[in-house]
Structures are given as C-alpha cells and as structure tokens.
Amino acid sequence: MKAVITVLGKDAVGILAKVSAVCAENNVNIIDVSQSTLRDIFCMIMMVEMDKSTITIGELSDAMSFMGKKNGLVISVMHEDIFNSMHRI
C-alpha cells in the first residue's frame, strides 16, 4: 500500500532528515520526493510504500503529526487512493 506524506512549514535545516528518520524507524520505504522552498516556506510531497511497515497508516500519521508539532511543521499522511480521489476532477 502506498501513502502520500505532505509537509509544510518554515524552512529549516534537517526537515527532510527528520521525516525520513520516522519512515526509516518504521520500515516505511520512500519511493519519491518532491520539495521546494517558496521564500521561507518549505513544501514537500513524499510518496511512500508501507507494505513492509511495522506500523499502520494511522500510527504513521500520528507519529508524523507529533514530530511535526515539535518542529513547527504541518505534516499529513493519507492513503494514495484517498489522495487521488481528492484531486480527481
């Protein structure tokens, strides 16, 4: 199963590393990343695969939200199918 992780917040050193660390700790495979900085706002979309993950998508979402709040970021995790349905015309 694939999931989409989005990250928004004030740009700072180590954001990608912190998000990647949560993925690595839970055996979540990162398959694609797109990131940019708009002035001082960091934006990232990450596609991950959770087939071998040690946690559920809900638990990953909670872990990312917790880490995001500690670092002044808004992080969301959603199933790929939900993401695609939300963005289909």
N, C-alpha and C. Protein backbone atom coordinates (compact mmCIF):
# COMPACT_ATOMS: atom_id res chain seq x y z
N MET A 1 0.83 -1.17 0.00
CA MET A 1 0.00 0.00 0.00
C MET A 1 0.89 1.24 0.00
N LYS A 2 0.48 2.23 -0.79
CA LYS A 2 1.23 3.48 -0.87
C LYS A 2 0.49 4.57 -0.11
N ALA A 3 1.26 5.54 0.38
CA ALA A 3 0.70 6.69 1.08
C ALA A 3 1.42 7.94 0.61
N VAL A 4 0.75 9.08 0.79
CA VAL A 4 1.31 10.38 0.45
C VAL A 4 1.50 11.16 1.74
N ILE A 5 2.71 11.67 1.92
CA ILE A 5 3.04 12.50 3.08
C ILE A 5 3.28 13.91 2.56
N THR A 6 2.60 14.89 3.16
CA THR A 6 2.84 16.28 2.80
C THR A 6 3.38 17.01 4.03
N VAL A 7 4.32 17.93 3.77
CA VAL A 7 4.96 18.67 4.85
C VAL A 7 4.99 20.14 4.47
N LEU A 8 4.53 20.99 5.37
CA LEU A 8 4.57 22.44 5.19
C LEU A 8 5.09 23.09 6.46
N GLY A 9 5.90 24.12 6.30
CA GLY A 9 6.37 24.84 7.47
C GLY A 9 7.48 25.80 7.12
N LYS A 10 7.94 26.52 8.12
CA LYS A 10 9.05 27.45 7.94
C LYS A 10 10.30 26.64 7.62
N ASP A 11 11.03 27.07 6.61
CA ASP A 11 12.22 26.35 6.18
C ASP A 11 13.26 26.30 7.30
N ALA A 12 13.87 25.14 7.46
CA ALA A 12 14.92 24.94 8.45
C ALA A 12 15.78 23.75 8.02
N VAL A 13 16.97 23.70 8.53
CA VAL A 13 17.87 22.59 8.23
C VAL A 13 17.31 21.31 8.86
N GLY A 14 17.31 20.21 8.10
CA GLY A 14 17.01 18.90 8.65
C GLY A 14 15.57 18.43 8.55
N ILE A 15 14.69 19.18 7.88
CA ILE A 15 13.29 18.73 7.81
C ILE A 15 13.18 17.39 7.09
N LEU A 16 13.79 17.28 5.92
CA LEU A 16 13.75 16.03 5.17
C LEU A 16 14.34 14.89 6.00
N ALA A 17 15.43 15.16 6.70
CA ALA A 17 16.07 14.14 7.53
C ALA A 17 15.15 13.66 8.65
N LYS A 18 14.42 14.58 9.28
CA LYS A 18 13.53 14.20 10.38
C LYS A 18 12.36 13.36 9.88
N VAL A 19 11.78 13.74 8.76
CA VAL A 19 10.67 12.97 8.19
C VAL A 19 11.17 11.60 7.75
N SER A 20 12.32 11.58 7.09
CA SER A 20 12.91 10.32 6.64
C SER A 20 13.25 9.40 7.81
N ALA A 21 13.69 9.97 8.92
CA ALA A 21 14.04 9.17 10.09
C ALA A 21 12.81 8.45 10.64
N VAL A 22 11.67 9.13 10.70
CA VAL A 22 10.44 8.48 11.16
C VAL A 22 10.08 7.33 10.22
N CYS A 23 10.24 7.56 8.92
CA CYS A 23 9.96 6.48 7.95
C CYS A 23 10.91 5.30 8.18
N ALA A 24 12.19 5.58 8.29
CA ALA A 24 13.18 4.51 8.46
C ALA A 24 12.95 3.72 9.74
N GLU A 25 12.62 4.40 10.83
CA GLU A 25 12.38 3.72 12.11
C GLU A 25 11.22 2.74 12.03
N ASN A 26 10.31 2.96 11.07
CA ASN A 26 9.11 2.14 10.98
C ASN A 26 9.05 1.32 9.70
N ASN A 27 10.21 1.18 9.03
CA ASN A 27 10.34 0.37 7.82
C ASN A 27 9.38 0.83 6.71
N VAL A 28 9.20 2.13 6.59
CA VAL A 28 8.39 2.73 5.53
C VAL A 28 9.35 3.16 4.43
N ASN A 29 9.15 2.63 3.22
CA ASN A 29 10.06 2.88 2.11
C ASN A 29 9.67 4.15 1.35
N ILE A 30 10.59 5.09 1.24
CA ILE A 30 10.36 6.32 0.48
C ILE A 30 10.64 6.01 -0.98
N ILE A 31 9.63 6.23 -1.85
CA ILE A 31 9.82 5.92 -3.26
C ILE A 31 9.93 7.16 -4.16
N ASP A 32 9.48 8.30 -3.68
CA ASP A 32 9.61 9.53 -4.46
C ASP A 32 9.44 10.74 -3.54
N VAL A 33 10.18 11.81 -3.83
CA VAL A 33 10.12 13.03 -3.04
C VAL A 33 10.19 14.23 -3.98
N SER A 34 9.33 15.19 -3.71
CA SER A 34 9.39 16.48 -4.40
C SER A 34 9.34 17.55 -3.31
N GLN A 35 10.29 18.47 -3.36
CA GLN A 35 10.31 19.52 -2.35
C GLN A 35 10.73 20.83 -2.97
N SER A 36 10.27 21.90 -2.37
CA SER A 36 10.69 23.23 -2.80
C SER A 36 10.56 24.18 -1.63
N THR A 37 11.19 25.32 -1.79
CA THR A 37 11.09 26.37 -0.79
C THR A 37 10.57 27.62 -1.48
N LEU A 38 9.45 28.15 -0.99
CA LEU A 38 8.86 29.36 -1.51
C LEU A 38 9.14 30.45 -0.48
N ARG A 39 10.10 31.31 -0.82
CA ARG A 39 10.63 32.29 0.12
C ARG A 39 11.15 31.56 1.35
N ASP A 40 10.49 31.59 2.46
CA ASP A 40 10.99 30.85 3.63
C ASP A 40 10.04 29.73 4.04
N ILE A 41 9.17 29.31 3.13
CA ILE A 41 8.22 28.23 3.42
C ILE A 41 8.66 26.95 2.72
N PHE A 42 8.85 25.91 3.51
CA PHE A 42 9.26 24.60 3.00
C PHE A 42 8.01 23.81 2.63
N CYS A 43 8.02 23.22 1.44
CA CYS A 43 6.90 22.39 0.96
C CYS A 43 7.46 21.07 0.45
N MET A 44 6.87 19.96 0.89
CA MET A 44 7.35 18.66 0.42
C MET A 44 6.18 17.70 0.25
N ILE A 45 6.26 16.92 -0.81
CA ILE A 45 5.32 15.81 -1.03
C ILE A 45 6.18 14.57 -1.18
N MET A 46 5.83 13.55 -0.42
CA MET A 46 6.61 12.32 -0.41
C MET A 46 5.67 11.13 -0.66
N MET A 47 6.03 10.26 -1.58
CA MET A 47 5.29 9.03 -1.82
C MET A 47 6.05 7.91 -1.11
N VAL A 48 5.35 7.15 -0.29
CA VAL A 48 5.98 6.06 0.45
C VAL A 48 5.22 4.75 0.23
N GLU A 49 5.93 3.67 0.43
CA GLU A 49 5.32 2.34 0.34
C GLU A 49 5.34 1.73 1.73
N MET A 50 4.19 1.19 2.15
CA MET A 50 4.05 0.69 3.52
C MET A 50 3.88 -0.82 3.60
N ASP A 51 4.16 -1.53 2.52
CA ASP A 51 3.95 -2.99 2.51
C ASP A 51 4.72 -3.73 3.59
N LYS A 52 5.91 -3.25 3.92
CA LYS A 52 6.74 -3.91 4.94
C LYS A 52 6.82 -3.11 6.22
N SER A 53 5.96 -2.12 6.35
CA SER A 53 5.97 -1.25 7.51
C SER A 53 5.64 -2.00 8.80
N THR A 54 6.19 -1.52 9.89
CA THR A 54 5.93 -2.12 11.20
C THR A 54 4.76 -1.43 11.90
N ILE A 55 4.16 -0.40 11.26
CA ILE A 55 3.03 0.31 11.85
C ILE A 55 1.95 0.52 10.80
N THR A 56 0.77 0.88 11.26
CA THR A 56 -0.35 1.16 10.35
C THR A 56 -0.23 2.59 9.82
N ILE A 57 -1.02 2.90 8.82
CA ILE A 57 -1.01 4.27 8.27
C ILE A 57 -1.50 5.27 9.33
N GLY A 58 -2.44 4.86 10.16
CA GLY A 58 -2.91 5.73 11.24
C GLY A 58 -1.81 6.03 12.25
N GLU A 59 -1.05 5.01 12.60
CA GLU A 59 0.07 5.20 13.54
C GLU A 59 1.17 6.07 12.92
N LEU A 60 1.42 5.88 11.61
CA LEU A 60 2.40 6.73 10.92
C LEU A 60 1.93 8.18 10.92
N SER A 61 0.65 8.38 10.66
CA SER A 61 0.08 9.72 10.68
C SER A 61 0.25 10.37 12.05
N ASP A 62 -0.03 9.63 13.11
CA ASP A 62 0.13 10.15 14.47
C ASP A 62 1.60 10.49 14.76
N ALA A 63 2.52 9.62 14.35
CA ALA A 63 3.94 9.85 14.60
C ALA A 63 4.43 11.08 13.85
N MET A 64 3.98 11.23 12.60
CA MET A 64 4.39 12.38 11.81
C MET A 64 3.79 13.68 12.37
N SER A 65 2.53 13.63 12.78
CA SER A 65 1.89 14.81 13.36
C SER A 65 2.60 15.24 14.63
N PHE A 66 2.95 14.29 15.48
CA PHE A 66 3.66 14.58 16.73
C PHE A 66 5.01 15.22 16.44
N MET A 67 5.77 14.61 15.53
CA MET A 67 7.08 15.15 15.18
C MET A 67 6.93 16.53 14.56
N GLY A 68 5.92 16.70 13.71
CA GLY A 68 5.68 17.98 13.07
C GLY A 68 5.38 19.08 14.08
N LYS A 69 4.53 18.79 15.04
CA LYS A 69 4.19 19.79 16.06
C LYS A 69 5.42 20.21 16.86
N LYS A 70 6.30 19.27 17.16
CA LYS A 70 7.53 19.58 17.89
C LYS A 70 8.45 20.49 17.09
N ASN A 71 8.31 20.46 15.77
CA ASN A 71 9.22 21.20 14.90
C ASN A 71 8.54 22.32 14.11
N GLY A 72 7.31 22.67 14.48
CA GLY A 72 6.62 23.76 13.82
C GLY A 72 6.20 23.46 12.39
N LEU A 73 5.90 22.20 12.11
CA LEU A 73 5.51 21.77 10.76
C LEU A 73 4.09 21.21 10.78
N VAL A 74 3.45 21.29 9.64
CA VAL A 74 2.16 20.62 9.46
C VAL A 74 2.43 19.44 8.53
N ILE A 75 2.25 18.24 9.06
CA ILE A 75 2.52 17.03 8.30
C ILE A 75 1.24 16.19 8.24
N SER A 76 0.88 15.78 7.03
CA SER A 76 -0.28 14.90 6.90
C SER A 76 0.12 13.65 6.14
N VAL A 77 -0.55 12.57 6.47
CA VAL A 77 -0.31 11.28 5.81
C VAL A 77 -1.67 10.76 5.38
N MET A 78 -1.78 10.37 4.10
CA MET A 78 -3.04 9.78 3.64
C MET A 78 -2.77 8.69 2.63
N HIS A 79 -3.69 7.74 2.60
CA HIS A 79 -3.62 6.63 1.65
C HIS A 79 -3.62 7.21 0.24
N GLU A 80 -2.84 6.60 -0.64
CA GLU A 80 -2.73 7.08 -2.02
C GLU A 80 -4.10 7.17 -2.71
N ASP A 81 -4.97 6.20 -2.47
CA ASP A 81 -6.30 6.21 -3.11
C ASP A 81 -7.12 7.41 -2.67
N ILE A 82 -7.05 7.77 -1.40
CA ILE A 82 -7.78 8.94 -0.90
C ILE A 82 -7.20 10.20 -1.52
N PHE A 83 -5.88 10.31 -1.57
CA PHE A 83 -5.24 11.46 -2.17
C PHE A 83 -5.67 11.62 -3.63
N ASN A 84 -5.64 10.52 -4.37
CA ASN A 84 -6.03 10.56 -5.79
C ASN A 84 -7.51 10.94 -5.95
N SER A 85 -8.37 10.42 -5.10
CA SER A 85 -9.79 10.74 -5.17
C SER A 85 -10.05 12.21 -4.87
N MET A 86 -9.32 12.77 -3.93
CA MET A 86 -9.49 14.18 -3.57
C MET A 86 -9.07 15.12 -4.69
N HIS A 87 -8.17 14.65 -5.56
CA HIS A 87 -7.62 15.52 -6.59
C HIS A 87 -8.05 15.11 -8.00
N ARG A 88 -9.13 14.41 -8.08
CA ARG A 88 -9.68 14.00 -9.37
C ARG A 88 -10.83 14.92 -9.74
N ILE A 89 -10.86 15.35 -10.96
CA ILE A 89 -11.94 16.25 -11.41
C ILE A 89 -13.13 15.44 -11.88
